[in-house]
Protein backbone atom coordinates (compact mmCIF):
# COMPACT_ATOMS: atom_id res chain seq x y z
CA MET A 1 -4.11 -3.92 3.79
CA GLN A 2 -2.23 -0.36 3.63
CA SER A 3 -2.79 -0.28 -0.06
CA LEU A 4 -6.57 -0.69 0.58
CA LEU A 5 -6.62 1.67 3.35
CA ILE A 6 -4.58 4.46 1.48
CA SER A 7 -6.65 4.02 -1.54
CA THR A 8 -9.69 4.52 0.04
CA THR A 9 -8.95 7.53 2.15
CA ALA A 10 -7.21 8.90 -0.95
CA VAL A 11 -10.27 8.61 -3.11
CA ALA A 12 -12.59 9.40 -0.68
CA ILE A 13 -10.95 12.58 -0.21
CA ALA A 14 -10.47 13.43 -3.59
CA GLU A 15 -13.98 12.79 -4.37
CA ILE A 16 -15.37 15.65 -2.07
CA GLY A 17 -17.08 18.54 -4.40
CA ASP A 18 -15.98 16.42 -7.37
CA LYS A 19 -17.73 16.46 -10.60
CA THR A 20 -19.01 12.66 -10.14
CA GLN A 21 -20.26 13.63 -6.44
CA LEU A 22 -22.40 16.38 -8.29
CA LEU A 23 -23.34 14.04 -10.81
CA SER A 24 -24.80 11.32 -8.07
CA LEU A 25 -26.69 14.27 -6.60
CA ILE A 26 -28.19 15.09 -10.09
CA LEU A 27 -29.17 11.37 -10.44
CA ALA A 28 -30.75 11.23 -7.07
CA ALA A 29 -32.63 14.75 -7.43
CA LYS A 30 -33.63 13.44 -11.14
CA TYR A 31 -34.56 9.85 -10.59
CA ARG A 32 -35.36 9.63 -6.69
CA ARG A 33 -34.12 6.00 -7.01
CA PRO A 34 -31.05 5.47 -4.64
CA LEU A 35 -30.42 1.85 -5.04
CA PRO A 36 -30.21 1.51 -8.66
CA ILE A 37 -27.89 4.76 -8.46
CA CYS A 38 -25.53 3.51 -5.83
CA LEU A 39 -25.42 0.18 -7.83
CA GLY A 40 -24.62 1.91 -11.19
CA ILE A 41 -21.51 3.90 -9.09
CA LEU A 42 -20.45 0.87 -8.13
CA ILE A 43 -19.97 -1.01 -11.26
CA ALA A 44 -18.94 2.08 -13.07
CA THR A 45 -16.38 2.62 -10.46
CA LEU A 46 -15.05 -0.61 -10.57
CA LEU A 47 -15.01 -1.02 -14.68
CA ASN A 48 -13.28 2.35 -14.68
CA HIS A 49 -10.68 1.87 -11.57
CA ALA A 50 -9.89 -1.57 -12.82
CA LEU A 51 -8.61 -0.25 -15.90
CA ALA A 52 -6.72 3.18 -14.45
CA ALA A 53 -5.19 0.97 -11.91
CA GLY A 54 -3.94 -1.50 -15.06
CA LEU A 55 -2.30 1.29 -16.26
CA GLY A 56 -0.91 2.41 -13.20
CA ALA A 57 0.44 -0.93 -12.58
CA VAL A 58 2.12 -0.82 -16.20
CA LEU A 59 3.67 2.37 -15.48
CA ALA A 60 5.22 1.31 -12.53
CA ALA A 61 6.54 -1.95 -14.34
CA TRP A 62 8.30 0.56 -16.93
CA LEU A 63 9.58 3.25 -14.65
CA THR A 64 12.88 3.11 -12.07
CA PRO A 65 11.67 3.18 -8.37
CA GLY A 66 13.44 7.02 -8.00
CA ILE A 67 11.44 8.32 -11.17
CA LEU A 68 8.49 6.89 -10.02
CA LYS A 69 8.53 8.38 -6.73
CA TRP A 70 8.95 11.85 -7.97
CA ILE A 71 6.20 11.34 -10.84
CA VAL A 72 3.76 9.92 -7.97
CA ALA A 73 5.04 13.10 -5.79
CA ILE A 74 3.98 15.36 -8.43
CA SER A 75 1.04 14.14 -9.18
CA PHE A 76 -0.34 14.18 -5.71
CA LEU A 77 0.76 17.75 -5.72
CA ALA A 78 -1.29 18.42 -9.19
CA ILE A 79 -4.34 16.52 -7.72
CA GLY A 80 -4.08 18.61 -4.45
CA LEU A 81 -3.93 21.73 -6.48
CA TRP A 82 -6.82 20.66 -8.96
CA THR A 83 -8.94 19.96 -5.94
CA LEU A 84 -8.95 23.42 -4.90
CA ILE A 85 -10.98 24.24 -8.17
CA PRO A 86 -14.69 23.89 -7.92
CA ASP A 87 -15.96 21.27 -10.25
CA THR A 88 -19.51 21.75 -12.07
CA ILE A 89 -21.48 19.61 -13.90
CA ASP A 90 -24.40 20.33 -16.56
CA ASP A 91 -27.75 19.10 -15.85
CA GLU A 92 -27.98 18.67 -19.91
CA ALA A 93 -25.08 16.16 -19.72
CA LEU A 94 -27.12 13.36 -18.28
CA PRO A 95 -28.66 11.01 -20.74
CA ALA A 96 -32.30 12.16 -21.30
CA LYS A 97 -33.53 8.12 -22.03
CA ARG A 98 -35.40 7.02 -19.47
CA ASP A 99 -36.37 3.97 -21.08
CA ALA A 100 -32.70 2.71 -20.89
CA GLY A 101 -33.38 2.31 -16.88
CA VAL A 102 -31.71 4.50 -13.96
CA LEU A 103 -29.08 1.74 -13.36
CA LEU A 104 -27.87 2.07 -17.20
CA VAL A 105 -28.02 5.80 -17.13
CA THR A 106 -26.06 5.76 -13.98
CA ILE A 107 -23.43 3.56 -15.27
CA SER A 108 -22.93 5.19 -18.34
CA ALA A 109 -23.08 8.96 -17.11
CA PHE A 110 -20.61 7.77 -14.33
CA PHE A 111 -18.44 6.06 -16.30
CA LEU A 112 -17.68 8.72 -18.28
CA ALA A 113 -17.87 11.52 -16.21
CA GLU A 114 -14.93 9.75 -14.61
CA MET A 115 -12.61 9.62 -17.35
CA GLY A 116 -9.70 11.96 -16.77
CA ASP A 117 -11.18 12.73 -13.56
CA LYS A 118 -8.69 13.33 -10.20
CA THR A 119 -10.05 10.28 -8.90
CA GLN A 120 -8.88 8.57 -11.93
CA VAL A 121 -5.87 9.86 -12.03
CA ALA A 122 -5.23 9.35 -8.13
CA THR A 123 -6.32 5.28 -8.95
CA VAL A 124 -3.50 5.37 -11.51
CA VAL A 125 -0.93 7.03 -9.17
CA LEU A 126 -1.97 4.69 -6.20
CA ALA A 127 -1.64 1.89 -8.40
CA ALA A 128 1.90 2.62 -9.52
CA GLN A 129 2.97 2.98 -5.90
CA TYR A 130 1.14 0.64 -4.19
CA SER A 131 0.11 -3.33 -4.44
CA PRO A 132 -1.43 -5.60 -4.78
CA LEU A 133 -3.45 -4.12 -7.36
CA TRP A 134 -6.63 -5.73 -6.42
CA GLN A 135 -6.52 -3.61 -3.04
CA VAL A 136 -5.74 -0.52 -4.86
CA ILE A 137 -9.11 -1.26 -6.87
CA VAL A 138 -11.08 -2.28 -3.86
CA GLY A 139 -10.03 0.66 -2.12
CA THR A 140 -10.40 3.56 -4.55
CA THR A 141 -13.70 1.88 -5.26
CA LEU A 142 -14.51 2.05 -1.52
CA GLY A 143 -13.62 5.72 -1.49
CA MET A 144 -16.04 6.52 -4.41
CA LEU A 145 -18.96 4.89 -2.72
CA LEU A 146 -17.99 6.34 0.86
CA ALA A 147 -18.17 9.84 -0.58
CA ASN A 148 -20.94 9.05 -3.14
CA VAL A 149 -23.42 6.99 -1.69
CA PRO A 150 -24.39 9.52 1.30
CA VAL A 151 -25.10 11.86 -1.47
CA VAL A 152 -27.18 9.76 -3.31
CA TRP A 153 -29.28 8.55 -0.27
CA LEU A 154 -29.36 12.58 1.12
CA GLY A 155 -30.12 13.63 -2.20
CA ALA A 156 -31.02 17.40 -2.82
CA ARG A 157 -32.34 18.06 0.29
CA PHE A 158 -29.14 18.95 2.24
CA ALA A 159 -26.94 19.74 -0.73
CA ASP A 160 -27.35 23.82 -0.24
CA ARG A 161 -25.92 22.94 3.44
CA LEU A 162 -22.66 21.01 2.74
CA PRO A 163 -19.57 23.48 3.29
CA LEU A 164 -17.80 22.16 0.02
CA ARG A 165 -14.98 24.92 -0.23
CA ALA A 166 -13.91 23.90 3.24
CA ALA A 167 -13.83 20.47 2.30
CA ARG A 168 -11.99 21.28 -1.05
CA ILE A 169 -9.32 22.83 0.77
CA THR A 170 -8.67 20.54 3.37
CA ALA A 171 -8.66 17.80 0.72
CA ALA A 172 -5.99 19.77 -1.12
CA LEU A 173 -4.19 20.20 1.89
CA LEU A 174 -3.72 16.50 2.38
CA PHE A 175 -2.82 15.99 -0.90
CA ILE A 176 -0.20 18.16 -1.02
CA ALA A 177 0.97 16.84 2.36
CA LEU A 178 1.18 13.61 0.72
CA ALA A 179 2.97 14.66 -1.97
CA ALA A 180 5.66 16.36 0.35
CA TRP A 181 5.59 13.31 2.41
CA ILE A 182 6.61 10.89 -0.56
CA ALA A 183 9.17 13.25 -2.02
CA LEU A 184 11.06 13.64 1.25
CA ARG A 185 10.87 9.92 2.45
């Protein structure tokens, strides 16, 4: 259960102000259909994070515990520093086809936006450090949903009132503290 909670918390924090959260906001504002957008986020995240967690598990099997500890600590430090950099997303990057349906547009756009994203990197790192793997996948997916579903449902109405800079700094400090904790334990 610890793997599930750590994975959920880490990804929910990392997702604050992330480009996929901005994508959620854009999709909500553009299509105004929260249910298929949220379902698309769920499907895309499960697929993406299952692949990332699989990679993390393979890396954990190849590396010694000492090397893995330092890779995880350095990765969390890097994610913390990366979190300080504000993400932007261009509305032009969204697929223009409405006939594919809001669900398919959301799945494809969200899956592609998540590739190489800090939450995907965090999923690889978490899967390398924690087990069972299914708890990491479910946890990281829950973290994405915790961060994105409210954004989708609230839409653009409250977006300009969110203190994203303060949230980014807090999230960065949490990841840096986690990196220090892993390195020192």
